[in-house]
C-alpha atoms as a PDB file:
ATOM      1  CA  MET A   1       0.000   0.000   0.000  1.00  0.00           C
ATOM      2  CA  LEU A   2       2.853   2.369   0.794  1.00  0.00           C
ATOM      3  CA  ALA A   3       4.455   1.753  -2.619  1.00  0.00           C
ATOM      4  CA  VAL A   4       1.160   2.609  -4.318  1.00  0.00           C
ATOM      5  CA  THR A   5       0.921   5.799  -2.244  1.00  0.00           C
ATOM      6  CA  VAL A   6       4.440   6.894  -3.227  1.00  0.00           C
ATOM      7  CA  ASP A   7       3.661   6.160  -6.899  1.00  0.00           C
ATOM      8  CA  ALA A   8       0.387   8.100  -6.668  1.00  0.00           C
ATOM      9  CA  PHE A   9       2.138  11.069  -5.034  1.00  0.00           C
ATOM     10  CA  HIS A  10       4.792  10.940  -7.756  1.00  0.00           C
ATOM     11  CA  ALA A  11       2.107  10.962 -10.453  1.00  0.00           C
ATOM     12  CA  LEU A  12       0.241  13.871  -8.865  1.00  0.00           C
ATOM     13  CA  ALA A  13       3.433  15.922  -8.487  1.00  0.00           C
ATOM     14  CA  MET A  14       4.329  15.357 -12.146  1.00  0.00           C
ATOM     15  CA  VAL A  15       0.813  16.151 -13.352  1.00  0.00           C
ATOM     16  CA  LEU A  16       0.709  19.320 -11.223  1.00  0.00           C
ATOM     17  CA  TRP A  17       4.094  20.380 -12.600  1.00  0.00           C
ATOM     18  CA  VAL A  18       3.098  19.882 -16.247  1.00  0.00           C
ATOM     19  CA  LEU A  19      -0.531  21.048 -16.165  1.00  0.00           C
ATOM     20  CA  CYS A  20       0.158  24.208 -14.175  1.00  0.00           C
ATOM     21  CA  LEU A  21       3.063  25.319 -16.366  1.00  0.00           C
ATOM     22  CA  PRO A  22       0.814  27.835 -18.217  1.00  0.00           C
ATOM     23  CA  LEU A  23       0.412  29.749 -14.930  1.00  0.00           C
ATOM     24  CA  LEU A  24       3.946  31.043 -15.446  1.00  0.00           C
ATOM     25  CA  PHE A  25       2.912  32.692 -18.710  1.00  0.00           C
ATOM     26  CA  TRP A  26      -0.701  33.595 -17.941  1.00  0.00           C
ATOM     27  CA  HIS A  27      -0.980  35.765 -14.823  1.00  0.00           C
ATOM     28  CA  ARG A  28      -4.661  35.885 -14.144  1.00  0.00           C
ATOM     29  CA  TRP A  29      -4.103  34.517 -10.615  1.00  0.00           C
ATOM     30  CA  PRO A  30      -0.806  35.955  -9.290  1.00  0.00           C
ATOM     31  CA  ARG A  31      -0.944  33.969  -6.035  1.00  0.00           C
ATOM     32  CA  ALA A  32      -1.354  30.702  -7.947  1.00  0.00           C
ATOM     33  CA  THR A  33       1.525  31.731 -10.211  1.00  0.00           C
ATOM     34  CA  LYS A  34       3.729  32.460  -7.213  1.00  0.00           C
ATOM     35  CA  PHE A  35       2.784  29.195  -5.463  1.00  0.00           C
ATOM     36  CA  TYR A  36       3.365  27.204  -8.635  1.00  0.00           C
ATOM     37  CA  GLY A  37       6.687  28.958  -9.241  1.00  0.00           C
ATOM     38  CA  TRP A  38       7.951  27.852  -5.829  1.00  0.00           C
ATOM     39  CA  PHE A  39       6.563  24.345  -6.297  1.00  0.00           C
ATOM     40  CA  ALA A  40       8.237  24.047  -9.711  1.00  0.00           C
ATOM     41  CA  VAL A  41      11.605  25.247  -8.425  1.00  0.00           C
ATOM     42  CA  ILE A  42      11.543  22.804  -5.493  1.00  0.00           C
ATOM     43  CA  PHE A  43      10.348  19.956  -7.734  1.00  0.00           C
ATOM     44  CA  ILE A  44      13.050  20.605 -10.336  1.00  0.00           C
ATOM     45  CA  VAL A  45      15.894  21.039  -7.835  1.00  0.00           C
ATOM     46  CA  ALA A  46      14.878  17.813  -6.060  1.00  0.00           C
ATOM     47  CA  ASN A  47      14.704  16.030  -9.417  1.00  0.00           C
ATOM     48  CA  MET A  48      18.085  17.302 -10.609  1.00  0.00           C
ATOM     49  CA  VAL A  49      19.864  16.474  -7.347  1.00  0.00           C
ATOM     50  CA  SER A  50      18.210  13.071  -7.364  1.00  0.00           C
ATOM     51  CA  GLN A  51      19.286  12.437 -10.975  1.00  0.00           C
ATOM     52  CA  TRP A  52      22.841  13.409 -10.096  1.00  0.00           C
ATOM     53  CA  VAL A  53      23.030  11.306  -6.917  1.00  0.00           C
ATOM     54  CA  LEU A  54      20.795   8.306  -7.751  1.00  0.00           C
ATOM     55  CA  GLY A  55      20.527   8.384 -11.532  1.00  0.00           C
ATOM     56  CA  GLU A  56      16.735   8.579 -11.245  1.00  0.00           C
ATOM     57  CA  CYS A  57      14.005  10.399  -9.341  1.00  0.00           C
ATOM     58  CA  PHE A  58      14.188   9.798  -5.596  1.00  0.00           C
ATOM     59  CA  LEU A  59      10.487   8.927  -5.567  1.00  0.00           C
ATOM     60  CA  THR A  60      11.164   6.155  -8.101  1.00  0.00           C
ATOM     61  CA  THR A  61      13.946   4.829  -5.866  1.00  0.00           C
ATOM     62  CA  ILE A  62      11.696   4.881  -2.793  1.00  0.00           C
ATOM     63  CA  ALA A  63       8.764   3.293  -4.623  1.00  0.00           C
ATOM     64  CA  ARG A  64      10.989   0.557  -6.087  1.00  0.00           C
ATOM     65  CA  ALA A  65      12.361  -0.286  -2.640  1.00  0.00           C
ATOM     66  CA  LEU A  66       8.815  -0.494  -1.270  1.00  0.00           C
ATOM     67  CA  TRP A  67       7.619  -2.598  -4.228  1.00  0.00           C
ATOM     68  CA  GLU A  68      10.551  -4.982  -3.724  1.00  0.00           C
ATOM     69  CA  ARG A  69       9.565  -5.462  -0.084  1.00  0.00           C
ATOM     70  CA  ALA A  70       5.985  -6.279  -1.099  1.00  0.00           C
ATOM     71  CA  SER A  71       5.035  -9.826  -1.974  1.00  0.00           C
ATOM     72  CA  ASP A  72       3.964 -11.050  -5.425  1.00  0.00           C
ATOM     73  CA  VAL A  73       5.039  -7.932  -7.310  1.00  0.00           C
ATOM     74  CA  PRO A  74       5.211  -8.243 -11.120  1.00  0.00           C
ATOM     75  CA  ASP A  75       8.662  -7.803 -12.719  1.00  0.00           C
ATOM     76  CA  HIS A  76       7.564  -4.814 -14.825  1.00  0.00           C
ATOM     77  CA  LEU A  77       7.304  -2.700 -11.656  1.00  0.00           C
ATOM     78  CA  ASP A  78      11.098  -2.644 -11.474  1.00  0.00           C
ATOM     79  CA  ASP A  79      11.320   0.147 -14.082  1.00  0.00           C
ATOM     80  CA  TRP A  80      11.203   3.931 -13.717  1.00  0.00           C
ATOM     81  CA  PHE A  81       7.872   5.327 -12.644  1.00  0.00           C
ATOM     82  CA  THR A  82       7.597   7.568 -15.713  1.00  0.00           C
ATOM     83  CA  VAL A  83       8.109   4.567 -17.986  1.00  0.00           C
ATOM     84  CA  ARG A  84       5.462   2.539 -16.146  1.00  0.00           C
ATOM     85  CA  PHE A  85       3.080   5.515 -16.001  1.00  0.00           C
ATOM     86  CA  SER A  86       3.280   6.273 -19.727  1.00  0.00           C
ATOM     87  CA  GLU A  87       2.875   2.578 -20.482  1.00  0.00           C
ATOM     88  CA  PHE A  88      -0.248   2.464 -18.306  1.00  0.00           C
ATOM     89  CA  VAL A  89      -1.807   5.707 -19.601  1.00  0.00           C
ATOM     90  CA  PHE A  90      -0.675   5.865 -23.225  1.00  0.00           C
ATOM     91  CA  ARG A  91       0.230   2.213 -23.914  1.00  0.00           C
ATOM     92  CA  LEU A  92       3.713   3.471 -24.891  1.00  0.00           C
ATOM     93  CA  THR A  93       7.029   2.455 -23.380  1.00  0.00           C
ATOM     94  CA  PRO A  94       9.533   5.298 -23.730  1.00  0.00           C
ATOM     95  CA  SER A  95      13.244   4.723 -23.307  1.00  0.00           C
ATOM     96  CA  HIS A  96      15.031   6.145 -20.297  1.00  0.00           C
ATOM     97  CA  ARG A  97      16.787   8.531 -22.692  1.00  0.00           C
ATOM     98  CA  ALA A  98      13.426   9.798 -24.000  1.00  0.00           C
ATOM     99  CA  VAL A  99      12.217  10.380 -20.435  1.00  0.00           C
ATOM    100  CA  LYS A 100      15.367  12.369 -19.617  1.00  0.00           C
ATOM    101  CA  ILE A 101      15.025  14.495 -22.765  1.00  0.00           C
ATOM    102  CA  ALA A 102      11.338  15.199 -22.057  1.00  0.00           C
ATOM    103  CA  THR A 103      12.220  16.149 -18.482  1.00  0.00           C
ATOM    104  CA  GLU A 104      14.960  18.503 -19.676  1.00  0.00           C
ATOM    105  CA  VAL A 105      12.562  20.174 -22.139  1.00  0.00           C
ATOM    106  CA  LEU A 106       9.989  20.659 -19.368  1.00  0.00           C
ATOM    107  CA  ILE A 107      12.685  22.050 -17.058  1.00  0.00           C
ATOM    108  CA  LEU A 108      13.711  24.530 -19.758  1.00  0.00           C
ATOM    109  CA  ALA A 109      10.077  25.556 -20.288  1.00  0.00           C
ATOM    110  CA  THR A 110       9.661  26.004 -16.533  1.00  0.00           C
ATOM    111  CA  ALA A 111      12.827  28.089 -16.269  1.00  0.00           C
ATOM    112  CA  LEU A 112      11.795  30.332 -19.172  1.00  0.00           C
ATOM    113  CA  GLY A 113       8.293  30.620 -17.752  1.00  0.00           C
ATOM    114  CA  SER A 114       9.673  31.550 -14.344  1.00  0.00           C
ATOM    115  CA  LEU A 115      11.843  34.282 -15.827  1.00  0.00           C
ATOM    116  CA  HIS A 116       8.890  35.578 -17.859  1.00  0.00           C
ATOM    117  CA  SER A 117       6.642  35.461 -14.811  1.00  0.00           C
ATOM    118  CA  MET A 118       9.103  37.315 -12.578  1.00  0.00           C
ATOM    119  CA  ARG A 119       9.533  40.042 -15.198  1.00  0.00           C
ATOM    120  CA  ARG A 120       5.770  40.430 -15.726  1.00  0.00           C
ATOM    121  CA  LEU A 121       4.946  40.477 -12.012  1.00  0.00           C
ATOM    122  CA  ARG A 122       7.637  43.094 -11.322  1.00  0.00           C
ATOM    123  CA  GLN A 123       6.309  45.346 -14.064  1.00  0.00           C
ATOM    124  CA  LYS A 124       2.781  45.375 -12.631  1.00  0.00           C
ATOM    125  CA  PRO A 125       2.137  48.058 -10.016  1.00  0.00           C
ATOM    126  CA  GLU A 126       1.241  46.704  -6.597  1.00  0.00           C
ATOM    127  CA  SER A 127      -2.409  47.116  -5.678  1.00  0.00           C
ATOM    128  CA  ALA A 128      -3.241  47.857  -2.069  1.00  0.00           C
END
């Protein structure tokens, strides 16, 4: 059950990161933009440090360890979460290289969006 919870949290964090990316470019809700900006920075830094130290997302490492402790776990659960998730949702099995490239593109989009957002929010006069 704990492995499923970690996988679900991982999925929700990734979905939140990707789906809320437009908030960095569209500033209708400045508080949501600011919250998302902080979330994205923390998510990306954790991911990059994890990639450097573990070679994969720390949540994947934790989930794998929990799945291995569980009984009667299918062999296909030994792969990266993003690979398993895309296989489950899209019936596609991307390579680890494709996952890394997609992650890097999303990180670049987030960085550019953050810079755009900071510039736009600074240009707007503060309302009291």
